[in-house]
Amino acid sequence: MPKKTAKAFTPTFQTMRQIDVPQSRNGKHRKIVTEILEDVNNLGPGEAVKVPLRALEDTKENVRAALSRESKKRRQRISTAADAEHLYIWREAI
C-alpha cells in the first residue's frame, strides 16, 4: 500500500511571531480617557475636570467604566459625577 504523504499546512489567516504581538490594549476610549486623566493629574486641590458629554463620542456610562479601569490600573484614585450636560472628574482625597 502506498504511504500517505502529509499535506503542507496552509493557514487561513496571516501569521506572525508571538514576540511581535502588541501587548497593550488601545480601546476606543483610549484617547479621551488619557486626556481626562492627564487633566486630573494637573488639578489643584479642590478642583475638578468638567467634560461636556457631547465631547465623549460614547455614553457617559461607558466612558466612566473606561476611566475606572484605567485609573485602577494606574493606582490613581478618582471620583466622578454627572449632570445632564457634563461629566465631572476629580482626585479623591487620601
PDB file of N, CA and C in Angstrom:
ATOM      1  N   MET A   1       0.819  -1.170   0.000  1.00  0.00           N
ATOM      2  CA  MET A   1       0.000   0.000   0.000  1.00  0.00           C
ATOM      3  C   MET A   1       0.875   1.252   0.000  1.00  0.00           C
ATOM      4  N   PRO A   2       0.495   2.251  -0.826  1.00  0.00           N
ATOM      5  CA  PRO A   2       1.326   3.446  -0.878  1.00  0.00           C
ATOM      6  C   PRO A   2       1.245   4.218   0.437  1.00  0.00           C
ATOM      7  N   LYS A   3       2.358   4.796   0.780  1.00  0.00           N
ATOM      8  CA  LYS A   3       2.461   5.575   2.013  1.00  0.00           C
ATOM      9  C   LYS A   3       1.802   6.950   1.806  1.00  0.00           C
ATOM     10  N   LYS A   4       0.984   7.381   2.798  1.00  0.00           N
ATOM     11  CA  LYS A   4       0.333   8.682   2.699  1.00  0.00           C
ATOM     12  C   LYS A   4       1.344   9.778   3.002  1.00  0.00           C
ATOM     13  N   THR A   5       1.301  10.825   2.210  1.00  0.00           N
ATOM     14  CA  THR A   5       2.192  11.958   2.462  1.00  0.00           C
ATOM     15  C   THR A   5       1.402  13.048   3.161  1.00  0.00           C
ATOM     16  N   ALA A   6       2.057  13.734   4.061  1.00  0.00           N
ATOM     17  CA  ALA A   6       1.404  14.807   4.809  1.00  0.00           C
ATOM     18  C   ALA A   6       1.256  16.032   3.916  1.00  0.00           C
ATOM     19  N   LYS A   7       0.057  16.604   3.945  1.00  0.00           N
ATOM     20  CA  LYS A   7      -0.174  17.834   3.197  1.00  0.00           C
ATOM     21  C   LYS A   7       0.497  18.997   3.920  1.00  0.00           C
ATOM     22  N   ALA A   8       0.973  19.935   3.167  1.00  0.00           N
ATOM     23  CA  ALA A   8       1.537  21.132   3.766  1.00  0.00           C
ATOM     24  C   ALA A   8       0.402  21.970   4.338  1.00  0.00           C
ATOM     25  N   PHE A   9       0.593  22.462   5.531  1.00  0.00           N
ATOM     26  CA  PHE A   9      -0.432  23.272   6.196  1.00  0.00           C
ATOM     27  C   PHE A   9      -0.463  24.654   5.578  1.00  0.00           C
ATOM     28  N   THR A  10      -1.653  25.102   5.228  1.00  0.00           N
ATOM     29  CA  THR A  10      -1.859  26.454   4.723  1.00  0.00           C
ATOM     30  C   THR A  10      -2.803  27.164   5.682  1.00  0.00           C
ATOM     31  N   PRO A  11      -2.290  28.164   6.427  1.00  0.00           N
ATOM     32  CA  PRO A  11      -3.155  28.835   7.403  1.00  0.00           C
ATOM     33  C   PRO A  11      -4.242  29.658   6.708  1.00  0.00           C
ATOM     34  N   THR A  12      -5.358  29.767   7.378  1.00  0.00           N
ATOM     35  CA  THR A  12      -6.472  30.558   6.866  1.00  0.00           C
ATOM     36  C   THR A  12      -6.169  32.053   7.000  1.00  0.00           C
ATOM     37  N   PHE A  13      -5.529  32.413   8.106  1.00  0.00           N
ATOM     38  CA  PHE A  13      -5.219  33.811   8.390  1.00  0.00           C
ATOM     39  C   PHE A  13      -3.717  34.027   8.379  1.00  0.00           C
ATOM     40  N   GLN A  14      -3.353  35.290   8.326  1.00  0.00           N
ATOM     41  CA  GLN A  14      -1.941  35.651   8.342  1.00  0.00           C
ATOM     42  C   GLN A  14      -1.328  35.272   9.686  1.00  0.00           C
ATOM     43  N   THR A  15      -0.083  34.880   9.691  1.00  0.00           N
ATOM     44  CA  THR A  15       0.601  34.536  10.934  1.00  0.00           C
ATOM     45  C   THR A  15       1.748  35.514  11.174  1.00  0.00           C
ATOM     46  N   MET A  16       2.180  35.555  12.443  1.00  0.00           N
ATOM     47  CA  MET A  16       3.310  36.412  12.804  1.00  0.00           C
ATOM     48  C   MET A  16       3.988  35.826  14.028  1.00  0.00           C
ATOM     49  N   ARG A  17       5.157  36.335  14.335  1.00  0.00           N
ATOM     50  CA  ARG A  17       5.877  35.855  15.515  1.00  0.00           C
ATOM     51  C   ARG A  17       5.190  36.391  16.767  1.00  0.00           C
ATOM     52  N   GLN A  18       5.071  35.562  17.783  1.00  0.00           N
ATOM     53  CA  GLN A  18       4.380  35.947  19.009  1.00  0.00           C
ATOM     54  C   GLN A  18       5.055  37.139  19.690  1.00  0.00           C
ATOM     55  N   ILE A  19       6.349  37.212  19.620  1.00  0.00           N
ATOM     56  CA  ILE A  19       7.071  38.315  20.254  1.00  0.00           C
ATOM     57  C   ILE A  19       6.694  39.671  19.645  1.00  0.00           C
ATOM     58  N   ASP A  20       6.208  39.669  18.400  1.00  0.00           N
ATOM     59  CA  ASP A  20       5.820  40.906  17.717  1.00  0.00           C
ATOM     60  C   ASP A  20       4.366  41.312  17.976  1.00  0.00           C
ATOM     61  N   VAL A  21       3.625  40.507  18.729  1.00  0.00           N
ATOM     62  CA  VAL A  21       2.222  40.821  19.029  1.00  0.00           C
ATOM     63  C   VAL A  21       2.177  41.946  20.059  1.00  0.00           C
ATOM     64  N   PRO A  22       1.403  43.015  19.802  1.00  0.00           N
ATOM     65  CA  PRO A  22       1.312  44.114  20.770  1.00  0.00           C
ATOM     66  C   PRO A  22       0.704  43.619  22.081  1.00  0.00           C
ATOM     67  N   GLN A  23       1.239  44.084  23.193  1.00  0.00           N
ATOM     68  CA  GLN A  23       0.790  43.612  24.499  1.00  0.00           C
ATOM     69  C   GLN A  23      -0.136  44.591  25.213  1.00  0.00           C
ATOM     70  N   SER A  24      -0.320  45.789  24.693  1.00  0.00           N
ATOM     71  CA  SER A  24      -1.211  46.739  25.346  1.00  0.00           C
ATOM     72  C   SER A  24      -2.514  46.846  24.565  1.00  0.00           C
ATOM     73  N   ARG A  25      -3.538  47.305  25.263  1.00  0.00           N
ATOM     74  CA  ARG A  25      -4.857  47.431  24.650  1.00  0.00           C
ATOM     75  C   ARG A  25      -5.100  48.890  24.303  1.00  0.00           C
ATOM     76  N   ASN A  26      -5.469  49.150  23.084  1.00  0.00           N
ATOM     77  CA  ASN A  26      -5.829  50.503  22.667  1.00  0.00           C
ATOM     78  C   ASN A  26      -7.302  50.511  22.303  1.00  0.00           C
ATOM     79  N   GLY A  27      -8.133  50.606  23.315  1.00  0.00           N
ATOM     80  CA  GLY A  27      -9.569  50.584  23.106  1.00  0.00           C
ATOM     81  C   GLY A  27     -10.074  51.879  22.505  1.00  0.00           C
ATOM     82  N   LYS A  28     -11.352  51.913  22.208  1.00  0.00           N
ATOM     83  CA  LYS A  28     -11.926  53.078  21.539  1.00  0.00           C
ATOM     84  C   LYS A  28     -12.018  54.293  22.455  1.00  0.00           C
ATOM     85  N   HIS A  29     -11.892  54.111  23.771  1.00  0.00           N
ATOM     86  CA  HIS A  29     -11.943  55.224  24.709  1.00  0.00           C
ATOM     87  C   HIS A  29     -10.556  55.712  25.105  1.00  0.00           C
ATOM     88  N   ARG A  30      -9.540  55.129  24.549  1.00  0.00           N
ATOM     89  CA  ARG A  30      -8.162  55.410  24.963  1.00  0.00           C
ATOM     90  C   ARG A  30      -7.823  56.907  24.925  1.00  0.00           C
ATOM     91  N   LYS A  31      -8.166  57.563  23.844  1.00  0.00           N
ATOM     92  CA  LYS A  31      -7.790  58.976  23.673  1.00  0.00           C
ATOM     93  C   LYS A  31      -8.466  59.858  24.722  1.00  0.00           C
ATOM     94  N   ILE A  32      -9.765  59.763  24.878  1.00  0.00           N
ATOM     95  CA  ILE A  32     -10.483  60.627  25.813  1.00  0.00           C
ATOM     96  C   ILE A  32     -10.093  60.317  27.256  1.00  0.00           C
ATOM     97  N   VAL A  33      -9.913  59.043  27.576  1.00  0.00           N
ATOM     98  CA  VAL A  33      -9.540  58.662  28.941  1.00  0.00           C
ATOM     99  C   VAL A  33      -8.145  59.190  29.267  1.00  0.00           C
ATOM    100  N   THR A  34      -7.217  59.066  28.342  1.00  0.00           N
ATOM    101  CA  THR A  34      -5.857  59.573  28.555  1.00  0.00           C
ATOM    102  C   THR A  34      -5.865  61.083  28.759  1.00  0.00           C
ATOM    103  N   GLU A  35      -6.637  61.791  27.940  1.00  0.00           N
ATOM    104  CA  GLU A  35      -6.725  63.250  28.075  1.00  0.00           C
ATOM    105  C   GLU A  35      -7.338  63.655  29.412  1.00  0.00           C
ATOM    106  N   ILE A  36      -8.406  62.980  29.815  1.00  0.00           N
ATOM    107  CA  ILE A  36      -9.061  63.312  31.082  1.00  0.00           C
ATOM    108  C   ILE A  36      -8.129  63.055  32.257  1.00  0.00           C
ATOM    109  N   LEU A  37      -7.479  61.887  32.281  1.00  0.00           N
ATOM    110  CA  LEU A  37      -6.598  61.567  33.409  1.00  0.00           C
ATOM    111  C   LEU A  37      -5.384  62.482  33.460  1.00  0.00           C
ATOM    112  N   GLU A  38      -4.917  62.937  32.309  1.00  0.00           N
ATOM    113  CA  GLU A  38      -3.819  63.907  32.298  1.00  0.00           C
ATOM    114  C   GLU A  38      -4.279  65.223  32.924  1.00  0.00           C
ATOM    115  N   ASP A  39      -5.493  65.654  32.578  1.00  0.00           N
ATOM    116  CA  ASP A  39      -6.043  66.874  33.186  1.00  0.00           C
ATOM    117  C   ASP A  39      -6.230  66.696  34.692  1.00  0.00           C
ATOM    118  N   VAL A  40      -6.715  65.535  35.110  1.00  0.00           N
ATOM    119  CA  VAL A  40      -6.917  65.261  36.536  1.00  0.00           C
ATOM    120  C   VAL A  40      -5.588  65.315  37.282  1.00  0.00           C
ATOM    121  N   ASN A  41      -4.531  64.805  36.672  1.00  0.00           N
ATOM    122  CA  ASN A  41      -3.208  64.821  37.307  1.00  0.00           C
ATOM    123  C   ASN A  41      -2.710  66.246  37.540  1.00  0.00           C
ATOM    124  N   ASN A  42      -3.152  67.185  36.737  1.00  0.00           N
ATOM    125  CA  ASN A  42      -2.692  68.565  36.842  1.00  0.00           C
ATOM    126  C   ASN A  42      -3.638  69.468  37.635  1.00  0.00           C
ATOM    127  N   LEU A  43      -4.639  68.878  38.270  1.00  0.00           N
ATOM    128  CA  LEU A  43      -5.587  69.665  39.064  1.00  0.00           C
ATOM    129  C   LEU A  43      -4.960  70.141  40.368  1.00  0.00           C
ATOM    130  N   GLY A  44      -5.428  71.306  40.811  1.00  0.00           N
ATOM    131  CA  GLY A  44      -5.066  71.779  42.133  1.00  0.00           C
ATOM    132  C   GLY A  44      -6.035  71.218  43.160  1.00  0.00           C
ATOM    133  N   PRO A  45      -5.753  71.424  44.428  1.00  0.00           N
ATOM    134  CA  PRO A  45      -6.662  70.944  45.473  1.00  0.00           C
ATOM    135  C   PRO A  45      -8.051  71.565  45.318  1.00  0.00           C
ATOM    136  N   GLY A  46      -9.069  70.753  45.427  1.00  0.00           N
ATOM    137  CA  GLY A  46     -10.443  71.227  45.345  1.00  0.00           C
ATOM    138  C   GLY A  46     -10.943  71.495  43.936  1.00  0.00           C
ATOM    139  N   GLU A  47     -10.195  71.106  42.911  1.00  0.00           N
ATOM    140  CA  GLU A  47     -10.613  71.320  41.531  1.00  0.00           C
ATOM    141  C   GLU A  47     -11.119  70.028  40.903  1.00  0.00           C
ATOM    142  N   ALA A  48     -11.949  70.168  39.862  1.00  0.00           N
ATOM    143  CA  ALA A  48     -12.479  69.027  39.114  1.00  0.00           C
ATOM    144  C   ALA A  48     -12.424  69.343  37.623  1.00  0.00           C
ATOM    145  N   VAL A  49     -12.293  68.305  36.820  1.00  0.00           N
ATOM    146  CA  VAL A  49     -12.346  68.441  35.368  1.00  0.00           C
ATOM    147  C   VAL A  49     -13.819  68.403  34.962  1.00  0.00           C
ATOM    148  N   LYS A  50     -14.232  69.307  34.082  1.00  0.00           N
ATOM    149  CA  LYS A  50     -15.618  69.404  33.613  1.00  0.00           C
ATOM    150  C   LYS A  50     -15.623  69.090  32.125  1.00  0.00           C
ATOM    151  N   VAL A  51     -16.116  67.905  31.758  1.00  0.00           N
ATOM    152  CA  VAL A  51     -16.101  67.441  30.366  1.00  0.00           C
ATOM    153  C   VAL A  51     -17.521  67.483  29.801  1.00  0.00           C
ATOM    154  N   PRO A  52     -17.736  68.206  28.698  1.00  0.00           N
ATOM    155  CA  PRO A  52     -19.066  68.186  28.073  1.00  0.00           C
ATOM    156  C   PRO A  52     -19.390  66.781  27.556  1.00  0.00           C
ATOM    157  N   LEU A  53     -20.593  66.315  27.812  1.00  0.00           N
ATOM    158  CA  LEU A  53     -20.980  64.969  27.374  1.00  0.00           C
ATOM    159  C   LEU A  53     -20.911  64.818  25.861  1.00  0.00           C
ATOM    160  N   ARG A  54     -21.155  65.893  25.128  1.00  0.00           N
ATOM    161  CA  ARG A  54     -21.105  65.811  23.663  1.00  0.00           C
ATOM    162  C   ARG A  54     -19.683  65.567  23.153  1.00  0.00           C
ATOM    163  N   ALA A  55     -18.666  65.780  23.995  1.00  0.00           N
ATOM    164  CA  ALA A  55     -17.276  65.556  23.600  1.00  0.00           C
ATOM    165  C   ALA A  55     -16.852  64.103  23.789  1.00  0.00           C
ATOM    166  N   LEU A  56     -17.697  63.265  24.363  1.00  0.00           N
ATOM    167  CA  LEU A  56     -17.301  61.899  24.731  1.00  0.00           C
ATOM    168  C   LEU A  56     -17.333  60.889  23.588  1.00  0.00           C
ATOM    169  N   GLU A  57     -18.149  61.084  22.581  1.00  0.00           N
ATOM    170  CA  GLU A  57     -18.288  60.155  21.450  1.00  0.00           C
ATOM    171  C   GLU A  57     -18.834  58.786  21.863  1.00  0.00           C
ATOM    172  N   ASP A  58     -19.318  58.658  23.089  1.00  0.00           N
ATOM    173  CA  ASP A  58     -19.940  57.435  23.584  1.00  0.00           C
ATOM    174  C   ASP A  58     -20.777  57.839  24.796  1.00  0.00           C
ATOM    175  N   THR A  59     -21.440  56.887  25.404  1.00  0.00           N
ATOM    176  CA  THR A  59     -22.255  57.206  26.576  1.00  0.00           C
ATOM    177  C   THR A  59     -21.369  57.529  27.774  1.00  0.00           C
ATOM    178  N   LYS A  60     -21.897  58.318  28.682  1.00  0.00           N
ATOM    179  CA  LYS A  60     -21.114  58.653  29.867  1.00  0.00           C
ATOM    180  C   LYS A  60     -20.829  57.403  30.699  1.00  0.00           C
ATOM    181  N   GLU A  61     -21.742  56.429  30.680  1.00  0.00           N
ATOM    182  CA  GLU A  61     -21.533  55.187  31.431  1.00  0.00           C
ATOM    183  C   GLU A  61     -20.326  54.422  30.907  1.00  0.00           C
ATOM    184  N   ASN A  62     -20.208  54.334  29.594  1.00  0.00           N
ATOM    185  CA  ASN A  62     -19.072  53.613  29.003  1.00  0.00           C
ATOM    186  C   ASN A  62     -17.755  54.326  29.259  1.00  0.00           C
ATOM    187  N   VAL A  63     -17.768  55.645  29.180  1.00  0.00           N
ATOM    188  CA  VAL A  63     -16.544  56.416  29.446  1.00  0.00           C
ATOM    189  C   VAL A  63     -16.181  56.334  30.925  1.00  0.00           C
ATOM    190  N   ARG A  64     -17.178  56.387  31.800  1.00  0.00           N
ATOM    191  CA  ARG A  64     -16.909  56.229  33.239  1.00  0.00           C
ATOM    192  C   ARG A  64     -16.289  54.865  33.533  1.00  0.00           C
ATOM    193  N   ALA A  65     -16.802  53.836  32.901  1.00  0.00           N
ATOM    194  CA  ALA A  65     -16.254  52.495  33.109  1.00  0.00           C
ATOM    195  C   ALA A  65     -14.801  52.433  32.628  1.00  0.00           C
ATOM    196  N   ALA A  66     -14.527  53.024  31.477  1.00  0.00           N
ATOM    197  CA  ALA A  66     -13.155  53.048  30.950  1.00  0.00           C
ATOM    198  C   ALA A  66     -12.241  53.855  31.868  1.00  0.00           C
ATOM    199  N   LEU A  67     -12.737  54.981  32.386  1.00  0.00           N
ATOM    200  CA  LEU A  67     -11.958  55.774  33.343  1.00  0.00           C
ATOM    201  C   LEU A  67     -11.661  54.968  34.597  1.00  0.00           C
ATOM    202  N   SER A  68     -12.638  54.244  35.079  1.00  0.00           N
ATOM    203  CA  SER A  68     -12.463  53.430  36.276  1.00  0.00           C
ATOM    204  C   SER A  68     -11.390  52.363  36.061  1.00  0.00           C
ATOM    205  N   ARG A  69     -11.471  51.665  34.934  1.00  0.00           N
ATOM    206  CA  ARG A  69     -10.479  50.620  34.644  1.00  0.00           C
ATOM    207  C   ARG A  69      -9.071  51.194  34.566  1.00  0.00           C
ATOM    208  N   GLU A  70      -8.921  52.283  33.838  1.00  0.00           N
ATOM    209  CA  GLU A  70      -7.596  52.854  33.637  1.00  0.00           C
ATOM    210  C   GLU A  70      -7.046  53.471  34.925  1.00  0.00           C
ATOM    211  N   SER A  71      -7.891  54.139  35.700  1.00  0.00           N
ATOM    212  CA  SER A  71      -7.402  54.743  36.946  1.00  0.00           C
ATOM    213  C   SER A  71      -6.990  53.664  37.948  1.00  0.00           C
ATOM    214  N   LYS A  72      -7.695  52.549  37.982  1.00  0.00           N
ATOM    215  CA  LYS A  72      -7.304  51.435  38.859  1.00  0.00           C
ATOM    216  C   LYS A  72      -5.968  50.851  38.411  1.00  0.00           C
ATOM    217  N   LYS A  73      -5.806  50.740  37.103  1.00  0.00           N
ATOM    218  CA  LYS A  73      -4.545  50.223  36.556  1.00  0.00           C
ATOM    219  C   LYS A  73      -3.377  51.130  36.938  1.00  0.00           C
ATOM    220  N   ARG A  74      -3.625  52.429  36.948  1.00  0.00           N
ATOM    221  CA  ARG A  74      -2.585  53.407  37.291  1.00  0.00           C
ATOM    222  C   ARG A  74      -2.488  53.655  38.798  1.00  0.00           C
ATOM    223  N   ARG A  75      -3.359  53.000  39.568  1.00  0.00           N
ATOM    224  CA  ARG A  75      -3.442  53.198  41.017  1.00  0.00           C
ATOM    225  C   ARG A  75      -3.683  54.660  41.359  1.00  0.00           C
ATOM    226  N   GLN A  76      -4.596  55.232  40.617  1.00  0.00           N
ATOM    227  CA  GLN A  76      -4.965  56.637  40.768  1.00  0.00           C
ATOM    228  C   GLN A  76      -6.413  56.675  41.247  1.00  0.00           C
ATOM    229  N   ARG A  77      -6.640  57.235  42.409  1.00  0.00           N
ATOM    230  CA  ARG A  77      -7.991  57.271  42.980  1.00  0.00           C
ATOM    231  C   ARG A  77      -8.729  58.496  42.478  1.00  0.00           C
ATOM    232  N   ILE A  78      -9.832  58.259  41.749  1.00  0.00           N
ATOM    233  CA  ILE A  78     -10.639  59.353  41.222  1.00  0.00           C
ATOM    234  C   ILE A  78     -12.099  59.143  41.596  1.00  0.00           C
ATOM    235  N   SER A  79     -12.855  60.220  41.517  1.00  0.00           N
ATOM    236  CA  SER A  79     -14.308  60.162  41.686  1.00  0.00           C
ATOM    237  C   SER A  79     -14.930  60.866  40.493  1.00  0.00           C
ATOM    238  N   THR A  80     -16.179  60.495  40.203  1.00  0.00           N
ATOM    239  CA  THR A  80     -16.888  61.119  39.095  1.00  0.00           C
ATOM    240  C   THR A  80     -18.302  61.486  39.524  1.00  0.00           C
ATOM    241  N   ALA A  81     -18.856  62.447  38.817  1.00  0.00           N
ATOM    242  CA  ALA A  81     -20.261  62.833  38.966  1.00  0.00           C
ATOM    243  C   ALA A  81     -20.700  63.326  37.596  1.00  0.00           C
ATOM    244  N   ALA A  82     -22.000  63.405  37.393  1.00  0.00           N
ATOM    245  CA  ALA A  82     -22.501  63.869  36.099  1.00  0.00           C
ATOM    246  C   ALA A  82     -23.835  64.570  36.294  1.00  0.00           C
ATOM    247  N   ASP A  83     -24.103  65.502  35.382  1.00  0.00           N
ATOM    248  CA  ASP A  83     -25.431  66.085  35.284  1.00  0.00           C
ATOM    249  C   ASP A  83     -25.886  65.894  33.841  1.00  0.00           C
ATOM    250  N   ALA A  84     -26.885  66.611  33.425  1.00  0.00           N
ATOM    251  CA  ALA A  84     -27.441  66.414  32.083  1.00  0.00           C
ATOM    252  C   ALA A  84     -26.478  66.799  30.958  1.00  0.00           C
ATOM    253  N   GLU A  85     -25.499  67.637  31.247  1.00  0.00           N
ATOM    254  CA  GLU A  85     -24.625  68.135  30.184  1.00  0.00           C
ATOM    255  C   GLU A  85     -23.136  67.872  30.369  1.00  0.00           C
ATOM    256  N   HIS A  86     -22.703  67.532  31.589  1.00  0.00           N
ATOM    257  CA  HIS A  86     -21.270  67.400  31.846  1.00  0.00           C
ATOM    258  C   HIS A  86     -20.938  66.166  32.697  1.00  0.00           C
ATOM    259  N   LEU A  87     -19.698  65.710  32.534  1.00  0.00           N
ATOM    260  CA  LEU A  87     -19.112  64.677  33.384  1.00  0.00           C
ATOM    261  C   LEU A  87     -18.005  65.366  34.171  1.00  0.00           C
ATOM    262  N   TYR A  88     -18.001  65.177  35.491  1.00  0.00           N
ATOM    263  CA  TYR A  88     -17.019  65.810  36.369  1.00  0.00           C
ATOM    264  C   TYR A  88     -16.115  64.730  36.945  1.00  0.00           C
ATOM    265  N   ILE A  89     -14.807  64.985  36.949  1.00  0.00           N
ATOM    266  CA  ILE A  89     -13.843  64.024  37.465  1.00  0.00           C
ATOM    267  C   ILE A  89     -12.850  64.770  38.342  1.00  0.00           C
ATOM    268  N   TRP A  90     -12.523  64.187  39.509  1.00  0.00           N
ATOM    269  CA  TRP A  90     -11.544  64.792  40.410  1.00  0.00           C
ATOM    270  C   TRP A  90     -10.798  63.693  41.149  1.00  0.00           C
ATOM    271  N   ARG A  91      -9.659  64.089  41.731  1.00  0.00           N
ATOM    272  CA  ARG A  91      -8.884  63.151  42.555  1.00  0.00           C
ATOM    273  C   ARG A  91      -9.534  63.013  43.916  1.00  0.00           C
ATOM    274  N   GLU A  92      -9.599  61.788  44.399  1.00  0.00           N
ATOM    275  CA  GLU A  92     -10.131  61.562  45.733  1.00  0.00           C
ATOM    276  C   GLU A  92      -9.106  62.018  46.762  1.00  0.00           C
ATOM    277  N   ALA A  93      -9.581  62.565  47.862  1.00  0.00           N
ATOM    278  CA  ALA A  93      -8.693  62.946  48.965  1.00  0.00           C
ATOM    279  C   ALA A  93      -8.199  61.666  49.634  1.00  0.00           C
ATOM    280  N   ILE A  94      -6.962  61.648  49.973  1.00  0.00           N
ATOM    281  CA  ILE A  94      -6.367  60.442  50.590  1.00  0.00           C
ATOM    282  C   ILE A  94      -6.576  60.437  52.077  1.00  0.00           C
TER     283      ILE A  94
END
